[in-house]
Amino acid sequence: MSETLWFMSVLVRIHVASGSGDDGISVIEQVARCGDSPPLHIHRTEDELFHVAAGEFFLVPKGVAHSFVVTSTEARWLATTTHGEYEGFVRELSRVPEHEGWPEPLAVSAEISARLDEVKVDAEDIAGMCSWRCASCLS
């Protein structure tokens, strides 16, 4: 059974929790509205595999800075990770839905801001992102 949460401005459903198996795999469905864009960020310990509902797959290796912007009316994707760190982050910054549908805008508290700062990138991360992006474009 899936668990539904509001993660910032995104509706998430945790379909496979990291504690469900020995390898810590988690599968989180995410639905976002037009204009949604997470800050440029990095997962230092987990690869992240995106399966966009349109059928595309994107692998973001751990240590690679990334972001995206939803340009359609709505976007739906599955994010698959291992070890549970990303799932824990989502759970930590999420809230139980108060009603059906989209969450109201969330006021970012000092605690949430500090937690988001932990995953932001620095100049070294951006250099790594550029070399990864260039290498992936050539293949």
N, C-alpha and C. Protein backbone atom coordinates (compact mmCIF):
# COMPACT_ATOMS: atom_id res chain seq x y z
N MET A 1 0.83 -1.19 0.00
CA MET A 1 0.00 0.00 0.00
C MET A 1 0.88 1.25 0.00
N SER A 2 0.54 2.21 -0.82
CA SER A 2 1.31 3.44 -0.94
C SER A 2 1.00 4.40 0.20
N GLU A 3 1.99 5.21 0.51
CA GLU A 3 1.83 6.29 1.48
C GLU A 3 1.88 7.61 0.72
N THR A 4 0.85 8.45 0.90
CA THR A 4 0.78 9.72 0.20
C THR A 4 1.20 10.84 1.13
N LEU A 5 2.06 11.74 0.61
CA LEU A 5 2.56 12.88 1.38
C LEU A 5 2.61 14.12 0.49
N TRP A 6 2.67 15.27 1.11
CA TRP A 6 2.97 16.51 0.42
C TRP A 6 4.43 16.83 0.72
N PHE A 7 5.27 16.81 -0.31
CA PHE A 7 6.70 17.12 -0.19
C PHE A 7 6.91 18.49 -0.79
N MET A 8 7.00 19.49 0.07
CA MET A 8 7.06 20.89 -0.35
C MET A 8 5.81 21.16 -1.19
N SER A 9 5.94 21.42 -2.51
CA SER A 9 4.78 21.69 -3.35
C SER A 9 4.42 20.50 -4.25
N VAL A 10 5.01 19.35 -3.98
CA VAL A 10 4.85 18.17 -4.82
C VAL A 10 4.05 17.10 -4.08
N LEU A 11 3.16 16.44 -4.80
CA LEU A 11 2.42 15.32 -4.25
C LEU A 11 3.27 14.08 -4.45
N VAL A 12 3.55 13.33 -3.40
CA VAL A 12 4.38 12.12 -3.52
C VAL A 12 3.61 10.92 -2.97
N ARG A 13 3.91 9.78 -3.58
CA ARG A 13 3.40 8.50 -3.09
C ARG A 13 4.60 7.57 -2.97
N ILE A 14 4.86 7.11 -1.77
CA ILE A 14 5.95 6.17 -1.56
C ILE A 14 5.37 4.78 -1.80
N HIS A 15 5.74 4.21 -2.95
CA HIS A 15 5.22 2.89 -3.34
C HIS A 15 6.05 1.76 -2.75
N VAL A 16 7.36 1.96 -2.68
CA VAL A 16 8.26 0.97 -2.08
C VAL A 16 9.14 1.72 -1.09
N ALA A 17 8.99 1.41 0.17
CA ALA A 17 9.81 2.04 1.22
C ALA A 17 11.15 1.33 1.32
N SER A 18 12.19 2.08 1.65
CA SER A 18 13.54 1.53 1.70
C SER A 18 13.68 0.39 2.71
N GLY A 19 12.84 0.38 3.73
CA GLY A 19 12.90 -0.69 4.73
C GLY A 19 12.20 -1.96 4.31
N SER A 20 11.62 -1.98 3.11
CA SER A 20 10.86 -3.15 2.65
C SER A 20 11.74 -4.32 2.25
N GLY A 21 12.98 -4.05 1.88
CA GLY A 21 13.88 -5.12 1.43
C GLY A 21 15.28 -4.90 1.96
N ASP A 22 16.14 -5.87 1.73
CA ASP A 22 17.50 -5.82 2.25
C ASP A 22 18.38 -4.77 1.58
N ASP A 23 18.10 -4.41 0.32
CA ASP A 23 18.95 -3.47 -0.41
C ASP A 23 18.56 -2.02 -0.24
N GLY A 24 17.49 -1.73 0.49
CA GLY A 24 17.09 -0.35 0.75
C GLY A 24 16.57 0.41 -0.45
N ILE A 25 16.01 -0.30 -1.42
CA ILE A 25 15.47 0.36 -2.61
C ILE A 25 14.17 1.07 -2.24
N SER A 26 14.03 2.29 -2.72
CA SER A 26 12.75 2.98 -2.55
C SER A 26 12.29 3.49 -3.91
N VAL A 27 10.97 3.46 -4.11
CA VAL A 27 10.35 3.96 -5.33
C VAL A 27 9.30 4.97 -4.91
N ILE A 28 9.51 6.21 -5.36
CA ILE A 28 8.62 7.31 -4.98
C ILE A 28 8.04 7.94 -6.24
N GLU A 29 6.71 7.92 -6.33
CA GLU A 29 6.02 8.60 -7.42
C GLU A 29 5.87 10.07 -7.03
N GLN A 30 6.14 10.95 -7.97
CA GLN A 30 6.02 12.38 -7.70
C GLN A 30 5.19 13.04 -8.80
N VAL A 31 4.31 13.95 -8.39
CA VAL A 31 3.48 14.69 -9.33
C VAL A 31 3.66 16.17 -9.00
N ALA A 32 4.03 16.95 -10.02
CA ALA A 32 4.30 18.37 -9.81
C ALA A 32 3.57 19.19 -10.86
N ARG A 33 3.32 20.43 -10.52
CA ARG A 33 2.64 21.37 -11.43
C ARG A 33 3.64 22.17 -12.25
N CYS A 34 3.12 22.79 -13.28
CA CYS A 34 3.92 23.63 -14.16
C CYS A 34 4.69 24.66 -13.33
N GLY A 35 5.96 24.83 -13.64
CA GLY A 35 6.81 25.79 -12.95
C GLY A 35 7.56 25.22 -11.77
N ASP A 36 7.18 24.03 -11.31
CA ASP A 36 7.89 23.44 -10.17
C ASP A 36 9.33 23.16 -10.57
N SER A 37 10.25 23.50 -9.69
CA SER A 37 11.66 23.29 -9.95
C SER A 37 12.40 23.21 -8.63
N PRO A 38 12.98 22.05 -8.33
CA PRO A 38 13.78 21.99 -7.11
C PRO A 38 15.06 22.79 -7.29
N PRO A 39 15.64 23.25 -6.21
CA PRO A 39 16.93 23.94 -6.35
C PRO A 39 17.98 22.98 -6.89
N LEU A 40 18.97 23.52 -7.56
CA LEU A 40 20.10 22.71 -7.99
C LEU A 40 20.64 21.99 -6.75
N HIS A 41 20.70 20.67 -6.81
CA HIS A 41 21.08 19.91 -5.62
C HIS A 41 21.87 18.67 -6.02
N ILE A 42 22.31 17.95 -5.00
CA ILE A 42 23.18 16.80 -5.21
C ILE A 42 22.83 15.71 -4.20
N HIS A 43 22.87 14.46 -4.65
CA HIS A 43 22.74 13.31 -3.76
C HIS A 43 24.14 12.73 -3.63
N ARG A 44 24.70 12.80 -2.46
CA ARG A 44 26.09 12.40 -2.29
C ARG A 44 26.29 10.90 -2.11
N THR A 45 25.23 10.16 -1.77
CA THR A 45 25.40 8.74 -1.48
C THR A 45 24.53 7.82 -2.32
N GLU A 46 23.67 8.37 -3.18
CA GLU A 46 22.75 7.52 -3.93
C GLU A 46 22.64 7.97 -5.39
N ASP A 47 22.61 7.00 -6.30
CA ASP A 47 22.20 7.29 -7.66
C ASP A 47 20.69 7.53 -7.61
N GLU A 48 20.18 8.28 -8.58
CA GLU A 48 18.74 8.49 -8.65
C GLU A 48 18.29 8.19 -10.08
N LEU A 49 17.34 7.28 -10.20
CA LEU A 49 16.80 6.91 -11.50
C LEU A 49 15.41 7.51 -11.63
N PHE A 50 15.22 8.33 -12.66
CA PHE A 50 13.91 8.92 -12.95
C PHE A 50 13.25 8.13 -14.07
N HIS A 51 12.01 7.78 -13.90
CA HIS A 51 11.20 7.22 -14.99
C HIS A 51 10.03 8.17 -15.16
N VAL A 52 10.11 9.00 -16.19
CA VAL A 52 9.08 9.99 -16.46
C VAL A 52 7.89 9.28 -17.10
N ALA A 53 6.69 9.69 -16.72
CA ALA A 53 5.47 9.03 -17.21
C ALA A 53 5.40 8.98 -18.73
N ALA A 54 6.08 9.88 -19.41
CA ALA A 54 6.10 9.88 -20.88
C ALA A 54 6.93 8.73 -21.43
N GLY A 55 7.61 7.98 -20.55
CA GLY A 55 8.36 6.81 -20.98
C GLY A 55 9.86 6.95 -20.97
N GLU A 56 10.38 8.12 -20.65
CA GLU A 56 11.82 8.33 -20.65
C GLU A 56 12.43 7.93 -19.31
N PHE A 57 13.69 7.47 -19.36
CA PHE A 57 14.45 7.14 -18.17
C PHE A 57 15.67 8.05 -18.12
N PHE A 58 16.01 8.52 -16.91
CA PHE A 58 17.21 9.35 -16.71
C PHE A 58 17.91 8.84 -15.46
N LEU A 59 19.18 8.54 -15.58
CA LEU A 59 19.97 8.15 -14.42
C LEU A 59 20.85 9.31 -14.03
N VAL A 60 20.74 9.75 -12.79
CA VAL A 60 21.61 10.79 -12.26
C VAL A 60 22.54 10.12 -11.26
N PRO A 61 23.82 9.95 -11.61
CA PRO A 61 24.75 9.30 -10.69
C PRO A 61 24.94 10.11 -9.41
N LYS A 62 25.21 9.41 -8.32
CA LYS A 62 25.47 10.13 -7.07
C LYS A 62 26.62 11.09 -7.29
N GLY A 63 26.55 12.22 -6.62
CA GLY A 63 27.60 13.21 -6.73
C GLY A 63 27.44 14.18 -7.90
N VAL A 64 26.37 14.03 -8.70
CA VAL A 64 26.16 14.91 -9.84
C VAL A 64 25.04 15.91 -9.51
N ALA A 65 25.34 17.18 -9.62
CA ALA A 65 24.36 18.22 -9.34
C ALA A 65 23.29 18.21 -10.43
N HIS A 66 22.04 18.40 -10.03
CA HIS A 66 20.96 18.37 -11.00
C HIS A 66 19.74 19.14 -10.51
N SER A 67 18.88 19.45 -11.45
CA SER A 67 17.60 20.09 -11.20
C SER A 67 16.75 19.87 -12.44
N PHE A 68 15.55 20.40 -12.45
CA PHE A 68 14.67 20.33 -13.61
C PHE A 68 13.59 21.38 -13.43
N VAL A 69 12.85 21.63 -14.49
CA VAL A 69 11.70 22.53 -14.45
C VAL A 69 10.53 21.83 -15.14
N VAL A 70 9.38 21.80 -14.49
CA VAL A 70 8.19 21.24 -15.11
C VAL A 70 7.63 22.29 -16.07
N THR A 71 7.58 21.96 -17.36
CA THR A 71 7.10 22.91 -18.36
C THR A 71 5.71 22.55 -18.88
N SER A 72 5.24 21.35 -18.59
CA SER A 72 3.88 20.96 -18.97
C SER A 72 2.93 21.36 -17.84
N THR A 73 1.65 21.18 -18.06
CA THR A 73 0.67 21.51 -17.02
C THR A 73 0.94 20.73 -15.75
N GLU A 74 1.31 19.47 -15.91
CA GLU A 74 1.59 18.58 -14.79
C GLU A 74 2.62 17.57 -15.24
N ALA A 75 3.48 17.14 -14.35
CA ALA A 75 4.46 16.10 -14.66
C ALA A 75 4.39 15.02 -13.60
N ARG A 76 4.56 13.78 -14.04
CA ARG A 76 4.52 12.63 -13.13
C ARG A 76 5.75 11.76 -13.43
N TRP A 77 6.43 11.33 -12.38
CA TRP A 77 7.60 10.49 -12.56
C TRP A 77 7.81 9.62 -11.33
N LEU A 78 8.58 8.56 -11.54
CA LEU A 78 9.02 7.70 -10.44
C LEU A 78 10.49 7.99 -10.20
N ALA A 79 10.86 8.14 -8.95
CA ALA A 79 12.27 8.29 -8.56
C ALA A 79 12.64 7.04 -7.77
N THR A 80 13.67 6.34 -8.24
CA THR A 80 14.13 5.13 -7.57
C THR A 80 15.53 5.37 -7.04
N THR A 81 15.74 5.09 -5.77
CA THR A 81 17.04 5.25 -5.13
C THR A 81 17.31 4.05 -4.23
N THR A 82 18.52 3.99 -3.70
CA THR A 82 18.88 2.94 -2.75
C THR A 82 19.38 3.58 -1.46
N HIS A 83 19.45 2.81 -0.43
CA HIS A 83 19.99 3.19 0.88
C HIS A 83 19.03 3.98 1.76
N GLY A 84 17.99 4.59 1.20
CA GLY A 84 16.99 5.28 2.00
C GLY A 84 17.25 6.72 2.35
N GLU A 85 18.40 7.29 1.94
CA GLU A 85 18.67 8.68 2.30
C GLU A 85 17.68 9.65 1.65
N TYR A 86 17.42 9.47 0.35
CA TYR A 86 16.48 10.36 -0.31
C TYR A 86 15.07 10.20 0.25
N GLU A 87 14.66 8.97 0.43
CA GLU A 87 13.35 8.74 1.03
C GLU A 87 13.25 9.40 2.41
N GLY A 88 14.29 9.28 3.21
CA GLY A 88 14.29 9.92 4.52
C GLY A 88 14.18 11.43 4.43
N PHE A 89 14.88 12.01 3.46
CA PHE A 89 14.82 13.45 3.22
C PHE A 89 13.39 13.86 2.85
N VAL A 90 12.77 13.09 1.94
CA VAL A 90 11.40 13.37 1.53
C VAL A 90 10.47 13.29 2.74
N ARG A 91 10.60 12.24 3.52
CA ARG A 91 9.73 12.08 4.70
C ARG A 91 9.93 13.22 5.70
N GLU A 92 11.19 13.62 5.90
CA GLU A 92 11.51 14.66 6.86
C GLU A 92 10.88 16.00 6.49
N LEU A 93 10.85 16.31 5.20
CA LEU A 93 10.34 17.61 4.76
C LEU A 93 8.89 17.55 4.26
N SER A 94 8.24 16.42 4.46
CA SER A 94 6.86 16.25 3.99
C SER A 94 5.87 16.40 5.13
N ARG A 95 4.61 16.52 4.72
CA ARG A 95 3.51 16.56 5.69
C ARG A 95 2.38 15.70 5.17
N VAL A 96 1.57 15.26 6.09
CA VAL A 96 0.41 14.45 5.73
C VAL A 96 -0.60 15.34 5.02
N PRO A 97 -1.14 14.89 3.89
CA PRO A 97 -2.13 15.72 3.17
C PRO A 97 -3.34 16.05 4.05
N GLU A 98 -3.75 17.29 3.97
CA GLU A 98 -4.91 17.74 4.75
C GLU A 98 -6.20 17.60 3.95
N HIS A 99 -6.09 17.39 2.64
CA HIS A 99 -7.24 17.21 1.76
C HIS A 99 -6.76 16.60 0.46
N GLU A 100 -7.68 16.22 -0.41
CA GLU A 100 -7.32 15.71 -1.73
C GLU A 100 -6.74 16.85 -2.57
N GLY A 101 -5.86 16.52 -3.48
CA GLY A 101 -5.35 17.53 -4.40
C GLY A 101 -4.02 18.10 -3.99
N TRP A 102 -3.75 19.28 -4.52
CA TRP A 102 -2.44 19.92 -4.37
C TRP A 102 -2.27 20.55 -2.99
N PRO A 103 -1.03 20.53 -2.50
CA PRO A 103 -0.75 21.21 -1.24
C PRO A 103 -0.75 22.73 -1.41
N GLU A 104 -1.08 23.41 -0.34
CA GLU A 104 -0.93 24.87 -0.34
C GLU A 104 0.57 25.18 -0.28
N PRO A 105 0.97 26.35 -0.73
CA PRO A 105 2.38 26.72 -0.63
C PRO A 105 2.87 26.60 0.82
N LEU A 106 4.06 26.11 0.95
CA LEU A 106 4.65 25.88 2.26
C LEU A 106 5.56 27.04 2.64
N ALA A 107 5.36 27.60 3.81
CA ALA A 107 6.28 28.61 4.32
C ALA A 107 7.56 27.88 4.73
N VAL A 108 8.67 28.33 4.23
CA VAL A 108 9.94 27.66 4.51
C VAL A 108 10.49 28.18 5.84
N SER A 109 10.49 27.30 6.82
CA SER A 109 10.99 27.66 8.15
C SER A 109 12.52 27.65 8.14
N ALA A 110 13.10 28.15 9.19
CA ALA A 110 14.57 28.15 9.32
C ALA A 110 15.09 26.71 9.33
N GLU A 111 14.34 25.81 9.94
CA GLU A 111 14.74 24.40 10.00
C GLU A 111 14.75 23.77 8.61
N ILE A 112 13.69 24.02 7.84
CA ILE A 112 13.63 23.48 6.48
C ILE A 112 14.72 24.12 5.62
N SER A 113 14.92 25.40 5.75
CA SER A 113 15.96 26.10 4.98
C SER A 113 17.34 25.51 5.27
N ALA A 114 17.62 25.24 6.54
CA ALA A 114 18.91 24.66 6.91
C ALA A 114 19.07 23.27 6.32
N ARG A 115 18.00 22.49 6.32
CA ARG A 115 18.05 21.13 5.76
C ARG A 115 18.26 21.19 4.24
N LEU A 116 17.61 22.12 3.57
CA LEU A 116 17.80 22.28 2.12
C LEU A 116 19.23 22.72 1.80
N ASP A 117 19.82 23.54 2.67
CA ASP A 117 21.20 23.99 2.45
C ASP A 117 22.17 22.81 2.42
N GLU A 118 21.84 21.73 3.12
CA GLU A 118 22.72 20.56 3.17
C GLU A 118 22.87 19.88 1.82
N VAL A 119 21.89 20.03 0.93
CA VAL A 119 21.97 19.34 -0.36
C VAL A 119 22.29 20.29 -1.51
N LYS A 120 22.48 21.57 -1.20
CA LYS A 120 22.85 22.51 -2.26
C LYS A 120 24.26 22.23 -2.74
N VAL A 121 24.56 22.74 -3.91
CA VAL A 121 25.85 22.47 -4.53
C VAL A 121 26.85 23.59 -4.27
N ASP A 122 28.12 23.26 -4.42
CA ASP A 122 29.17 24.27 -4.34
C ASP A 122 29.91 24.30 -5.68
N ALA A 123 30.94 25.11 -5.79
CA ALA A 123 31.64 25.28 -7.07
C ALA A 123 32.23 23.96 -7.57
N GLU A 124 32.76 23.15 -6.68
CA GLU A 124 33.33 21.86 -7.07
C GLU A 124 32.25 20.95 -7.65
N ASP A 125 31.06 20.96 -7.05
CA ASP A 125 29.96 20.15 -7.55
C ASP A 125 29.56 20.59 -8.96
N ILE A 126 29.54 21.89 -9.20
CA ILE A 126 29.14 22.40 -10.51
C ILE A 126 30.15 21.98 -11.57
N ALA A 127 31.43 21.99 -11.23
CA ALA A 127 32.45 21.53 -12.17
C ALA A 127 32.21 20.06 -12.52
N GLY A 128 31.85 19.25 -11.52
CA GLY A 128 31.54 17.84 -11.77
C GLY A 128 30.31 17.69 -12.64
N MET A 129 29.30 18.52 -12.43
CA MET A 129 28.08 18.46 -13.21
C MET A 129 28.38 18.77 -14.67
N CYS A 130 29.21 19.76 -14.91
CA CYS A 130 29.52 20.16 -16.28
C CYS A 130 30.26 19.03 -17.00
N SER A 131 31.19 18.39 -16.34
CA SER A 131 31.94 17.32 -17.02
C SER A 131 31.04 16.11 -17.25
N TRP A 132 30.11 15.82 -16.32
CA TRP A 132 29.20 14.70 -16.53
C TRP A 132 28.26 14.99 -17.68
N ARG A 133 27.70 16.20 -17.70
CA ARG A 133 26.76 16.58 -18.75
C ARG A 133 27.45 16.52 -20.12
N CYS A 134 28.66 17.04 -20.21
CA CYS A 134 29.36 17.02 -21.49
C CYS A 134 29.66 15.59 -21.92
N ALA A 135 30.08 14.75 -20.98
CA ALA A 135 30.37 13.36 -21.33
C ALA A 135 29.12 12.62 -21.77
N SER A 136 27.99 12.88 -21.09
CA SER A 136 26.76 12.18 -21.47
C SER A 136 26.24 12.67 -22.81
N CYS A 137 26.51 13.92 -23.17
CA CYS A 137 26.06 14.43 -24.46
C CYS A 137 26.85 13.82 -25.62
N LEU A 138 28.07 13.39 -25.34
CA LEU A 138 28.92 12.84 -26.40
C LEU A 138 28.64 11.38 -26.66
N SER A 139 27.99 10.71 -25.72
CA SER A 139 27.77 9.26 -25.90
C SER A 139 26.50 8.98 -26.65
